[in-house]
C-alpha atoms as a PDB file:
ATOM      1  CA  MET A   1      -0.353   0.227  -0.146  1.00  0.00           C
ATOM      2  CA  SER A   2       1.203   3.694  -0.951  1.00  0.00           C
ATOM      3  CA  PRO A   3      -0.278   7.033  -0.169  1.00  0.00           C
ATOM      4  CA  GLN A   4      -1.643   6.603  -3.895  1.00  0.00           C
ATOM      5  CA  SER A   5      -3.120   3.809  -3.545  1.00  0.00           C
ATOM      6  CA  PRO A   6      -6.831   3.403  -5.427  1.00  0.00           C
ATOM      7  CA  VAL A   7      -9.641   3.550  -3.001  1.00  0.00           C
ATOM      8  CA  THR A   8     -12.872   2.233  -3.717  1.00  0.00           C
ATOM      9  CA  VAL A   9     -15.933   4.055  -1.449  1.00  0.00           C
ATOM     10  CA  VAL A  10     -19.019   2.122  -0.570  1.00  0.00           C
ATOM     11  CA  VAL A  11     -21.940   4.237  -0.186  1.00  0.00           C
ATOM     12  CA  LEU A  12     -24.938   2.066   1.798  1.00  0.00           C
ATOM     13  CA  SER A  13     -28.501   2.846   0.804  1.00  0.00           C
ATOM     14  CA  TRP A  14     -32.248   2.045   1.838  1.00  0.00           C
ATOM     15  CA  ASN A  15     -35.166   4.828   1.476  1.00  0.00           C
ATOM     16  CA  ARG A  16     -33.429   8.058   1.489  1.00  0.00           C
ATOM     17  CA  ARG A  17     -32.778   8.841  -1.967  1.00  0.00           C
ATOM     18  CA  ASP A  18     -32.558  12.839  -0.951  1.00  0.00           C
ATOM     19  CA  ASP A  19     -29.883  12.208   1.601  1.00  0.00           C
ATOM     20  CA  THR A  20     -28.314   9.481  -0.900  1.00  0.00           C
ATOM     21  CA  LEU A  21     -27.566  12.279  -3.578  1.00  0.00           C
ATOM     22  CA  ALA A  22     -25.887  14.635  -1.247  1.00  0.00           C
ATOM     23  CA  CYS A  23     -23.204  12.197  -0.307  1.00  0.00           C
ATOM     24  CA  LEU A  24     -22.623  11.261  -3.325  1.00  0.00           C
ATOM     25  CA  ALA A  25     -22.106  15.121  -4.893  1.00  0.00           C
ATOM     26  CA  SER A  26     -19.875  15.305  -1.905  1.00  0.00           C
ATOM     27  CA  LEU A  27     -17.917  12.719  -2.961  1.00  0.00           C
ATOM     28  CA  ALA A  28     -17.726  14.212  -6.787  1.00  0.00           C
ATOM     29  CA  VAL A  29     -15.609  16.734  -4.962  1.00  0.00           C
ATOM     30  CA  ALA A  30     -13.288  14.540  -2.920  1.00  0.00           C
ATOM     31  CA  THR A  31     -10.116  15.666  -4.194  1.00  0.00           C
ATOM     32  CA  TYR A  32      -8.071  11.919  -3.889  1.00  0.00           C
ATOM     33  CA  GLU A  33      -7.334  10.278  -7.165  1.00  0.00           C
ATOM     34  CA  PRO A  34      -7.761   7.349  -8.022  1.00  0.00           C
ATOM     35  CA  LEU A  35     -11.418   7.311  -6.146  1.00  0.00           C
ATOM     36  CA  SER A  36     -14.149   5.134  -7.370  1.00  0.00           C
ATOM     37  CA  ILE A  37     -17.437   4.496  -5.975  1.00  0.00           C
ATOM     38  CA  VAL A  38     -20.340   1.864  -5.316  1.00  0.00           C
ATOM     39  CA  CYS A  39     -23.395   2.501  -3.961  1.00  0.00           C
ATOM     40  CA  VAL A  40     -25.360  -0.055  -2.793  1.00  0.00           C
ATOM     41  CA  ASP A  41     -29.483  -0.072  -2.778  1.00  0.00           C
ATOM     42  CA  ASN A  42     -30.834  -2.079  -0.074  1.00  0.00           C
ATOM     43  CA  GLY A  43     -33.367  -2.847  -1.602  1.00  0.00           C
ATOM     44  CA  SER A  44     -35.048   0.649  -1.318  1.00  0.00           C
ATOM     45  CA  SER A  45     -38.875   1.393  -2.652  1.00  0.00           C
ATOM     46  CA  ASP A  46     -38.502   5.319  -3.039  1.00  0.00           C
ATOM     47  CA  GLY A  47     -36.307   4.872  -6.612  1.00  0.00           C
ATOM     48  CA  SER A  48     -32.587   5.833  -5.061  1.00  0.00           C
ATOM     49  CA  ALA A  49     -30.948   3.387  -7.051  1.00  0.00           C
ATOM     50  CA  ASP A  50     -32.287   4.709 -10.572  1.00  0.00           C
ATOM     51  CA  ALA A  51     -32.007   8.362  -9.215  1.00  0.00           C
ATOM     52  CA  VAL A  52     -28.377   6.942  -8.197  1.00  0.00           C
ATOM     53  CA  SER A  53     -27.611   5.883 -11.734  1.00  0.00           C
ATOM     54  CA  GLU A  54     -29.264   8.790 -13.515  1.00  0.00           C
ATOM     55  CA  ALA A  55     -27.335  11.577 -11.543  1.00  0.00           C
ATOM     56  CA  PHE A  56     -24.000   9.236 -11.145  1.00  0.00           C
ATOM     57  CA  PRO A  57     -23.566   7.591 -13.678  1.00  0.00           C
ATOM     58  CA  GLY A  58     -19.930   6.609 -12.733  1.00  0.00           C
ATOM     59  CA  VAL A  59     -21.006   5.147  -9.668  1.00  0.00           C
ATOM     60  CA  ARG A  60     -21.285   1.505  -9.563  1.00  0.00           C
ATOM     61  CA  VAL A  61     -24.886   0.615  -7.929  1.00  0.00           C
ATOM     62  CA  VAL A  62     -25.094  -2.925  -6.338  1.00  0.00           C
ATOM     63  CA  ARG A  63     -29.403  -3.155  -6.098  1.00  0.00           C
ATOM     64  CA  LEU A  64     -30.206  -5.733  -3.723  1.00  0.00           C
ATOM     65  CA  THR A  65     -33.857  -7.155  -3.950  1.00  0.00           C
ATOM     66  CA  ARG A  66     -34.324  -6.548   0.094  1.00  0.00           C
ATOM     67  CA  ASN A  67     -32.986  -4.647   2.911  1.00  0.00           C
ATOM     68  CA  HIS A  68     -29.857  -6.619   4.385  1.00  0.00           C
ATOM     69  CA  GLY A  69     -29.166  -4.303   7.124  1.00  0.00           C
ATOM     70  CA  PHE A  70     -26.199  -2.533   7.229  1.00  0.00           C
ATOM     71  CA  ALA A  71     -23.985  -5.152   7.799  1.00  0.00           C
ATOM     72  CA  GLY A  72     -25.062  -7.223   5.268  1.00  0.00           C
ATOM     73  CA  GLY A  73     -25.666  -3.855   3.102  1.00  0.00           C
ATOM     74  CA  MET A  74     -21.764  -2.939   3.265  1.00  0.00           C
ATOM     75  CA  ASN A  75     -20.755  -6.516   3.100  1.00  0.00           C
ATOM     76  CA  ALA A  76     -22.266  -6.419  -0.666  1.00  0.00           C
ATOM     77  CA  GLY A  77     -20.197  -3.541  -1.233  1.00  0.00           C
ATOM     78  CA  ILE A  78     -17.146  -4.381   0.516  1.00  0.00           C
ATOM     79  CA  VAL A  79     -17.026  -7.730  -1.672  1.00  0.00           C
ATOM     80  CA  ALA A  80     -17.629  -5.738  -5.494  1.00  0.00           C
ATOM     81  CA  ALA A  81     -14.991  -3.559  -4.704  1.00  0.00           C
ATOM     82  CA  LEU A  82     -12.327  -6.901  -3.769  1.00  0.00           C
ATOM     83  CA  GLU A  83     -14.013  -7.960  -6.993  1.00  0.00           C
ATOM     84  CA  GLY A  84     -13.405  -4.550  -8.749  1.00  0.00           C
ATOM     85  CA  GLY A  85      -9.608  -4.610  -7.654  1.00  0.00           C
ATOM     86  CA  ALA A  86      -9.459  -2.525  -4.866  1.00  0.00           C
ATOM     87  CA  ARG A  87      -6.734  -2.228  -2.183  1.00  0.00           C
ATOM     88  CA  LEU A  88      -8.320   0.422  -0.345  1.00  0.00           C
ATOM     89  CA  VAL A  89     -12.246   0.508   1.332  1.00  0.00           C
ATOM     90  CA  LEU A  90     -13.476   3.049   2.759  1.00  0.00           C
ATOM     91  CA  THR A  91     -17.009   2.489   4.347  1.00  0.00           C
ATOM     92  CA  LEU A  92     -19.557   5.120   4.458  1.00  0.00           C
ATOM     93  CA  ASN A  93     -23.195   6.422   5.596  1.00  0.00           C
ATOM     94  CA  ASN A  94     -25.679   7.655   2.852  1.00  0.00           C
ATOM     95  CA  ASP A  95     -26.433  10.872   6.222  1.00  0.00           C
ATOM     96  CA  MET A  96     -22.769  11.357   5.617  1.00  0.00           C
ATOM     97  CA  LEU A  97     -21.076  14.748   4.009  1.00  0.00           C
ATOM     98  CA  VAL A  98     -17.244  14.503   3.515  1.00  0.00           C
ATOM     99  CA  ASP A  99     -15.117  17.071   3.734  1.00  0.00           C
ATOM    100  CA  PRO A 100     -12.782  17.340   0.072  1.00  0.00           C
ATOM    101  CA  GLY A 101      -9.860  16.551   1.641  1.00  0.00           C
ATOM    102  CA  PHE A 102     -11.293  13.702   4.064  1.00  0.00           C
ATOM    103  CA  VAL A 103      -9.439  10.371   2.067  1.00  0.00           C
ATOM    104  CA  GLU A 104      -5.803  11.106   1.882  1.00  0.00           C
ATOM    105  CA  PRO A 105      -4.995  11.751   5.769  1.00  0.00           C
ATOM    106  CA  LEU A 106      -6.521   8.376   6.169  1.00  0.00           C
ATOM    107  CA  VAL A 107      -4.822   6.755   3.489  1.00  0.00           C
ATOM    108  CA  ASP A 108      -2.143   8.154   5.108  1.00  0.00           C
ATOM    109  CA  ALA A 109      -2.578   6.708   8.484  1.00  0.00           C
ATOM    110  CA  LEU A 110      -2.856   3.433   7.161  1.00  0.00           C
ATOM    111  CA  HIS A 111       0.110   3.727   5.094  1.00  0.00           C
ATOM    112  CA  GLU A 112       2.621   4.983   8.399  1.00  0.00           C
ATOM    113  CA  HIS A 113       0.834   2.089  10.563  1.00  0.00           C
ATOM    114  CA  PRO A 114       0.503  -0.401   8.692  1.00  0.00           C
ATOM    115  CA  TYR A 115      -0.636  -2.942  11.214  1.00  0.00           C
ATOM    116  CA  ALA A 116      -3.466  -0.910  11.606  1.00  0.00           C
ATOM    117  CA  ALA A 117      -7.147  -2.276  10.959  1.00  0.00           C
ATOM    118  CA  ALA A 118      -8.568   0.405  10.232  1.00  0.00           C
ATOM    119  CA  ALA A 119      -8.698   4.473  10.355  1.00  0.00           C
ATOM    120  CA  CYS A 120     -11.792   6.670  11.071  1.00  0.00           C
ATOM    121  CA  SER A 121     -12.891  10.088  10.325  1.00  0.00           C
ATOM    122  CA  GLN A 122     -13.521  12.609  12.721  1.00  0.00           C
ATOM    123  CA  VAL A 123     -17.206  12.748  12.743  1.00  0.00           C
ATOM    124  CA  LEU A 124     -18.932  15.999  13.724  1.00  0.00           C
ATOM    125  CA  PHE A 125     -22.904  16.517  13.757  1.00  0.00           C
ATOM    126  CA  ALA A 126     -23.919  17.824  10.409  1.00  0.00           C
ATOM    127  CA  ASP A 127     -26.505  20.794  11.995  1.00  0.00           C
ATOM    128  CA  PRO A 128     -23.808  23.535  13.098  1.00  0.00           C
ATOM    129  CA  PRO A 129     -22.117  24.620  15.523  1.00  0.00           C
ATOM    130  CA  GLU A 130     -19.643  22.497  14.804  1.00  0.00           C
ATOM    131  CA  ARG A 131     -19.716  19.589  17.277  1.00  0.00           C
ATOM    132  CA  VAL A 132     -17.927  15.825  17.856  1.00  0.00           C
ATOM    133  CA  TRP A 133     -20.452  13.532  16.995  1.00  0.00           C
ATOM    134  CA  TYR A 134     -17.251  10.555  16.939  1.00  0.00           C
ATOM    135  CA  ALA A 135     -13.552  11.067  17.558  1.00  0.00           C
ATOM    136  CA  GLY A 136     -13.200   7.894  18.797  1.00  0.00           C
ATOM    137  CA  ALA A 137     -14.947   5.367  21.251  1.00  0.00           C
ATOM    138  CA  ARG A 138     -14.135   2.954  24.679  1.00  0.00           C
ATOM    139  CA  TYR A 139     -15.532   0.017  24.836  1.00  0.00           C
ATOM    140  CA  ARG A 140     -15.529  -2.541  27.966  1.00  0.00           C
ATOM    141  CA  PRO A 141     -17.489  -5.932  27.217  1.00  0.00           C
ATOM    142  CA  ARG A 142     -17.443  -6.563  30.487  1.00  0.00           C
ATOM    143  CA  ARG A 143     -19.856  -3.579  31.130  1.00  0.00           C
ATOM    144  CA  GLY A 144     -23.470  -3.511  30.020  1.00  0.00           C
ATOM    145  CA  TYR A 145     -23.729  -0.446  28.578  1.00  0.00           C
ATOM    146  CA  GLN A 146     -20.622   1.785  26.976  1.00  0.00           C
ATOM    147  CA  GLY A 147     -21.800   5.525  27.463  1.00  0.00           C
ATOM    148  CA  ARG A 148     -21.039   8.265  24.456  1.00  0.00           C
ATOM    149  CA  HIS A 149     -18.798   8.724  21.884  1.00  0.00           C
ATOM    150  CA  LEU A 150     -14.760  10.361  23.292  1.00  0.00           C
ATOM    151  CA  ARG A 151     -15.561  14.082  23.030  1.00  0.00           C
ATOM    152  CA  TYR A 152     -19.144  13.686  22.243  1.00  0.00           C
ATOM    153  CA  GLY A 153     -20.734  17.067  22.055  1.00  0.00           C
ATOM    154  CA  GLU A 154     -17.257  19.305  22.610  1.00  0.00           C
ATOM    155  CA  ARG A 155     -15.351  21.793  19.556  1.00  0.00           C
ATOM    156  CA  PRO A 156     -13.343  19.365  16.786  1.00  0.00           C
ATOM    157  CA  LEU A 157     -10.037  18.550  17.609  1.00  0.00           C
ATOM    158  CA  PRO A 158      -7.656  20.365  15.000  1.00  0.00           C
ATOM    159  CA  PRO A 159      -6.819  19.128  11.700  1.00  0.00           C
ATOM    160  CA  GLY A 160      -3.458  18.538  13.047  1.00  0.00           C
ATOM    161  CA  THR A 161      -4.314  16.223  15.691  1.00  0.00           C
ATOM    162  CA  PRO A 162      -2.113  13.225  15.158  1.00  0.00           C
ATOM    163  CA  PRO A 163      -3.564   9.924  14.424  1.00  0.00           C
ATOM    164  CA  TYR A 164      -4.082   8.169  17.903  1.00  0.00           C
ATOM    165  CA  GLU A 165      -5.687   4.564  18.589  1.00  0.00           C
ATOM    166  CA  THR A 166      -9.209   3.554  19.790  1.00  0.00           C
ATOM    167  CA  ASP A 167     -11.158   1.040  21.158  1.00  0.00           C
ATOM    168  CA  ARG A 168     -13.786   0.632  18.636  1.00  0.00           C
ATOM    169  CA  ALA A 169     -13.872   1.968  15.038  1.00  0.00           C
ATOM    170  CA  CYS A 170     -17.058   3.968  13.654  1.00  0.00           C
ATOM    171  CA  ALA A 171     -18.124   2.049  10.182  1.00  0.00           C
ATOM    172  CA  GLY A 172     -19.941   4.573   9.110  1.00  0.00           C
ATOM    173  CA  ALA A 173     -16.949   6.741   7.824  1.00  0.00           C
ATOM    174  CA  MET A 174     -13.409   4.051   7.949  1.00  0.00           C
ATOM    175  CA  LEU A 175     -10.932   3.060   6.122  1.00  0.00           C
ATOM    176  CA  VAL A 176      -9.923  -0.425   5.619  1.00  0.00           C
ATOM    177  CA  SER A 177      -7.061  -2.477   3.429  1.00  0.00           C
ATOM    178  CA  ARG A 178      -7.966  -5.461   1.351  1.00  0.00           C
ATOM    179  CA  ASP A 179      -5.108  -7.326   3.670  1.00  0.00           C
ATOM    180  CA  ALA A 180      -7.044  -6.036   6.677  1.00  0.00           C
ATOM    181  CA  ILE A 181     -10.534  -7.321   5.471  1.00  0.00           C
ATOM    182  CA  ALA A 182      -9.092 -10.435   5.133  1.00  0.00           C
ATOM    183  CA  ARG A 183      -7.475 -10.900   8.491  1.00  0.00           C
ATOM    184  CA  VAL A 184     -10.322  -9.678  10.770  1.00  0.00           C
ATOM    185  CA  GLY A 185     -13.263 -10.657   8.011  1.00  0.00           C
ATOM    186  CA  LEU A 186     -16.432  -8.618   6.824  1.00  0.00           C
ATOM    187  CA  PHE A 187     -18.999  -7.712   9.244  1.00  0.00           C
ATOM    188  CA  ALA A 188     -21.257 -10.264  11.232  1.00  0.00           C
ATOM    189  CA  GLU A 189     -24.808  -9.913   8.951  1.00  0.00           C
ATOM    190  CA  GLU A 190     -26.704 -11.621  11.528  1.00  0.00           C
ATOM    191  CA  LEU A 191     -26.601  -8.628  13.664  1.00  0.00           C
ATOM    192  CA  PHE A 192     -27.886  -6.842  10.529  1.00  0.00           C
ATOM    193  CA  ALA A 193     -27.592  -3.020  12.206  1.00  0.00           C
ATOM    194  CA  TYR A 194     -25.556  -1.814  15.007  1.00  0.00           C
ATOM    195  CA  ALA A 195     -22.597  -2.783  17.097  1.00  0.00           C
ATOM    196  CA  GLU A 196     -21.503  -4.753  13.846  1.00  0.00           C
ATOM    197  CA  ASP A 197     -18.139  -2.382  13.738  1.00  0.00           C
ATOM    198  CA  VAL A 198     -17.949  -2.781  17.785  1.00  0.00           C
ATOM    199  CA  ASP A 199     -17.505  -7.025  16.721  1.00  0.00           C
ATOM    200  CA  TRP A 200     -15.064  -6.141  14.057  1.00  0.00           C
ATOM    201  CA  SER A 201     -13.071  -3.606  15.929  1.00  0.00           C
ATOM    202  CA  LEU A 202     -12.653  -6.339  18.796  1.00  0.00           C
ATOM    203  CA  ARG A 203     -11.754  -9.037  15.861  1.00  0.00           C
ATOM    204  CA  ALA A 204      -9.213  -7.016  15.239  1.00  0.00           C
ATOM    205  CA  ARG A 205      -8.179  -5.816  18.149  1.00  0.00           C
ATOM    206  CA  SER A 206      -7.634  -9.673  19.499  1.00  0.00           C
ATOM    207  CA  GLN A 207      -4.979  -9.857  16.152  1.00  0.00           C
ATOM    208  CA  GLY A 208      -3.237  -6.871  17.329  1.00  0.00           C
ATOM    209  CA  SER A 209      -4.110  -4.773  14.901  1.00  0.00           C
ATOM    210  CA  PRO A 210      -5.084  -1.160  16.289  1.00  0.00           C
ATOM    211  CA  ILE A 211      -8.136   1.306  15.652  1.00  0.00           C
ATOM    212  CA  LEU A 212      -7.124   4.423  14.006  1.00  0.00           C
ATOM    213  CA  VAL A 213      -8.790   7.614  14.395  1.00  0.00           C
ATOM    214  CA  VAL A 214      -7.633  10.617  12.314  1.00  0.00           C
ATOM    215  CA  PRO A 215      -8.576  13.757  13.242  1.00  0.00           C
ATOM    216  CA  ALA A 216      -7.303  15.314  10.159  1.00  0.00           C
ATOM    217  CA  SER A 217     -10.203  13.576   7.994  1.00  0.00           C
ATOM    218  CA  LEU A 218     -13.602  15.133   8.509  1.00  0.00           C
ATOM    219  CA  VAL A 219     -17.708  14.158   7.733  1.00  0.00           C
ATOM    220  CA  ARG A 220     -20.650  15.404   9.186  1.00  0.00           C
ATOM    221  CA  HIS A 221     -23.152  13.321   9.871  1.00  0.00           C
ATOM    222  CA  ALA A 222     -27.264  13.787  10.346  1.00  0.00           C
ATOM    223  CA  VAL A 223     -27.509  10.952  13.501  1.00  0.00           C
ATOM    224  CA  SER A 224     -28.823   7.644  12.516  1.00  0.00           C
ATOM    225  CA  ALA A 225     -31.358   9.246   9.999  1.00  0.00           C
ATOM    226  CA  SER A 226     -32.396   5.375   8.701  1.00  0.00           C
ATOM    227  CA  THR A 227     -33.214   4.582  12.263  1.00  0.00           C
ATOM    228  CA  GLY A 228     -35.093   7.481  13.221  1.00  0.00           C
ATOM    229  CA  GLY A 229     -32.330   9.223  15.122  1.00  0.00           C
ATOM    230  CA  GLU A 230     -30.922   7.999  18.553  1.00  0.00           C
ATOM    231  CA  GLY A 231     -33.524   8.151  20.796  1.00  0.00           C
ATOM    232  CA  SER A 232     -36.195   5.916  18.204  1.00  0.00           C
ATOM    233  CA  ALA A 233     -37.684   2.723  19.189  1.00  0.00           C
ATOM    234  CA  THR A 234     -35.829   0.943  16.254  1.00  0.00           C
ATOM    235  CA  THR A 235     -32.221   2.291  17.509  1.00  0.00           C
ATOM    236  CA  ILE A 236     -32.783   1.293  21.442  1.00  0.00           C
ATOM    237  CA  TYR A 237     -33.647  -2.192  20.254  1.00  0.00           C
ATOM    238  CA  TYR A 238     -31.137  -2.813  18.616  1.00  0.00           C
ATOM    239  CA  ASP A 239     -28.437  -1.177  20.721  1.00  0.00           C
ATOM    240  CA  LEU A 240     -29.650  -3.175  23.447  1.00  0.00           C
ATOM    241  CA  ARG A 241     -29.731  -6.505  21.834  1.00  0.00           C
ATOM    242  CA  ASN A 242     -26.850  -6.143  19.908  1.00  0.00           C
ATOM    243  CA  GLY A 243     -24.905  -4.746  22.558  1.00  0.00           C
ATOM    244  CA  LEU A 244     -25.327  -7.910  24.890  1.00  0.00           C
ATOM    245  CA  THR A 245     -25.288 -10.530  21.765  1.00  0.00           C
ATOM    246  CA  VAL A 246     -21.539  -9.050  21.117  1.00  0.00           C
ATOM    247  CA  ALA A 247     -20.406  -8.513  24.817  1.00  0.00           C
ATOM    248  CA  GLU A 248     -21.409 -11.764  25.678  1.00  0.00           C
ATOM    249  CA  ARG A 249     -19.275 -13.400  22.105  1.00  0.00           C
ATOM    250  CA  ARG A 250     -16.453 -11.462  23.204  1.00  0.00           C
ATOM    251  CA  ALA A 251     -16.483 -11.565  27.144  1.00  0.00           C
ATOM    252  CA  PRO A 252     -18.002 -14.274  28.666  1.00  0.00           C
ATOM    253  CA  LEU A 253     -18.607 -13.953  32.625  1.00  0.00           C
ATOM    254  CA  GLY A 254     -19.493 -15.466  35.453  1.00  0.00           C
ATOM    255  CA  ARG A 255     -23.165 -16.351  36.313  1.00  0.00           C
ATOM    256  CA  ALA A 256     -23.480 -13.136  38.580  1.00  0.00           C
ATOM    257  CA  ARG A 257     -21.391 -11.165  36.367  1.00  0.00           C
ATOM    258  CA  THR A 258     -23.195 -12.031  33.154  1.00  0.00           C
ATOM    259  CA  ALA A 259     -26.701 -10.751  35.369  1.00  0.00           C
ATOM    260  CA  LEU A 260     -24.922  -7.846  36.330  1.00  0.00           C
ATOM    261  CA  ARG A 261     -24.145  -6.095  32.820  1.00  0.00           C
ATOM    262  CA  ARG A 262     -27.576  -7.737  31.678  1.00  0.00           C
ATOM    263  CA  LEU A 263     -28.701  -5.612  34.594  1.00  0.00           C
ATOM    264  CA  GLU A 264     -26.484  -2.440  33.943  1.00  0.00           C
ATOM    265  CA  SER A 265     -27.754  -2.821  29.974  1.00  0.00           C
ATOM    266  CA  LEU A 266     -30.929  -3.284  30.968  1.00  0.00           C
ATOM    267  CA  GLY A 267     -31.462  -0.179  33.105  1.00  0.00           C
ATOM    268  CA  ALA A 268     -29.581   2.279  30.567  1.00  0.00           C
ATOM    269  CA  HIS A 269     -31.692   1.490  28.080  1.00  0.00           C
ATOM    270  CA  VAL A 270     -34.829   1.972  29.861  1.00  0.00           C
ATOM    271  CA  ALA A 271     -32.967   5.196  31.115  1.00  0.00           C
ATOM    272  CA  GLN A 272     -32.372   6.173  27.300  1.00  0.00           C
ATOM    273  CA  ALA A 273     -36.253   5.325  26.489  1.00  0.00           C
ATOM    274  CA  LEU A 274     -37.569   7.516  29.254  1.00  0.00           C
ATOM    275  CA  LEU A 275     -35.151  10.437  29.305  1.00  0.00           C
ATOM    276  CA  PHE A 276     -34.466  11.136  25.415  1.00  0.00           C
ATOM    277  CA  SER A 277     -36.627   9.178  23.438  1.00  0.00           C
ATOM    278  CA  PRO A 278     -39.617  11.408  22.123  1.00  0.00           C
ATOM    279  CA  ARG A 279     -42.257   8.694  22.038  1.00  0.00           C
ATOM    280  CA  ARG A 280     -40.962   7.153  25.751  1.00  0.00           C
ATOM    281  CA  ARG A 281     -44.041   4.122  25.776  1.00  0.00           C
ATOM    282  CA  GLN A 282     -42.646   2.876  21.933  1.00  0.00           C
ATOM    283  CA  ALA A 283     -39.411   3.151  23.137  1.00  0.00           C
ATOM    284  CA  LEU A 284     -40.114   0.686  26.557  1.00  0.00           C
ATOM    285  CA  GLY A 285     -41.713  -1.318  24.239  1.00  0.00           C
ATOM    286  CA  ALA A 286     -38.356  -1.925  22.155  1.00  0.00           C
ATOM    287  CA  VAL A 287     -36.545  -2.479  25.266  1.00  0.00           C
ATOM    288  CA  TRP A 288     -38.222  -5.542  26.239  1.00  0.00           C
ATOM    289  CA  LEU A 289     -38.458  -6.661  22.635  1.00  0.00           C
ATOM    290  CA  GLY A 290     -35.149  -6.047  22.316  1.00  0.00           C
ATOM    291  CA  TRP A 291     -34.624  -8.018  25.552  1.00  0.00           C
ATOM    292  CA  LYS A 292     -36.806 -10.905  24.668  1.00  0.00           C
ATOM    293  CA  HIS A 293     -35.443 -11.436  21.443  1.00  0.00           C
ATOM    294  CA  PHE A 294     -31.681 -11.293  23.270  1.00  0.00           C
ATOM    295  CA  ARG A 295     -32.604 -14.006  25.940  1.00  0.00           C
ATOM    296  CA  ALA A 296     -34.094 -15.956  22.805  1.00  0.00           C
ATOM    297  CA  GLY A 297     -31.042 -15.907  20.894  1.00  0.00           C
ATOM    298  CA  ARG A 298     -33.387 -14.291  17.948  1.00  0.00           C
ATOM    299  CA  LEU A 299     -30.843 -12.022  15.783  1.00  0.00           C
ATOM    300  CA  GLY A 300     -31.184 -10.858  12.020  1.00  0.00           C
ATOM    301  CA  PRO A 301     -33.763  -7.652  11.332  1.00  0.00           C
ATOM    302  CA  MET A 302     -36.346  -6.339  13.832  1.00  0.00           C
ATOM    303  CA  ARG A 303     -39.589  -7.952  13.677  1.00  0.00           C
END
């Protein structure tokens, strides 16, 4: 890999046509070369795939017949990118708007740290004033609740801040190499949405491959647009179910400590439903359903 290695961006789209078109328009002025784009349409019903093909004829569109979730949809795009000869793959949510020079710092970081599994952008909230949504995150799988991202709501880190290690990646804006994908594998599709990047990060770090945050790479995020926002019932459901699933896969505990971890997670998500959700009753129902499906080992899409 070199600082001029070809990069393929994989944009995942599902029923938010305007967001996808805006994301691709921001990518169209990205300064990195050579840069190619794969847009995966996750079974949209709003004409997103046709709109992308019409507005951006240079973008390869992968059309899935149904919604495979973030994990399955992004995996389809990664496979398409690798089959096209990509050496570096950049996963990107369709509700991201990128700065023109956001790719170069990520490529430089992986070039300078060849054993790193991934390099992640500094992600800001889309709405002004500029505040951090993601600049790294702690993850302790023995805990039932991980809290917010590092520097959440604070002013952005200066572009001159050197890359640094973090516990877990944000796959919404993450650069990985072909070699890292071969070592770590693809996202766990049974999780469907949420915590798939946590699971991937834990697998990478178990092999001694760090995850990097690169503050000089900036993107802006309309938070959780595809699932209704951070306090939505859908978000709470997947966060509870998948969070406990990943934690118990990667850090099995004894009976008493497992019970405490589960209790902590339940309590945290009940609090989130009561304090931050605009529809408390629906959010509390999502907590119960997420807990029920976790206990039953039921993964895949929420239903």
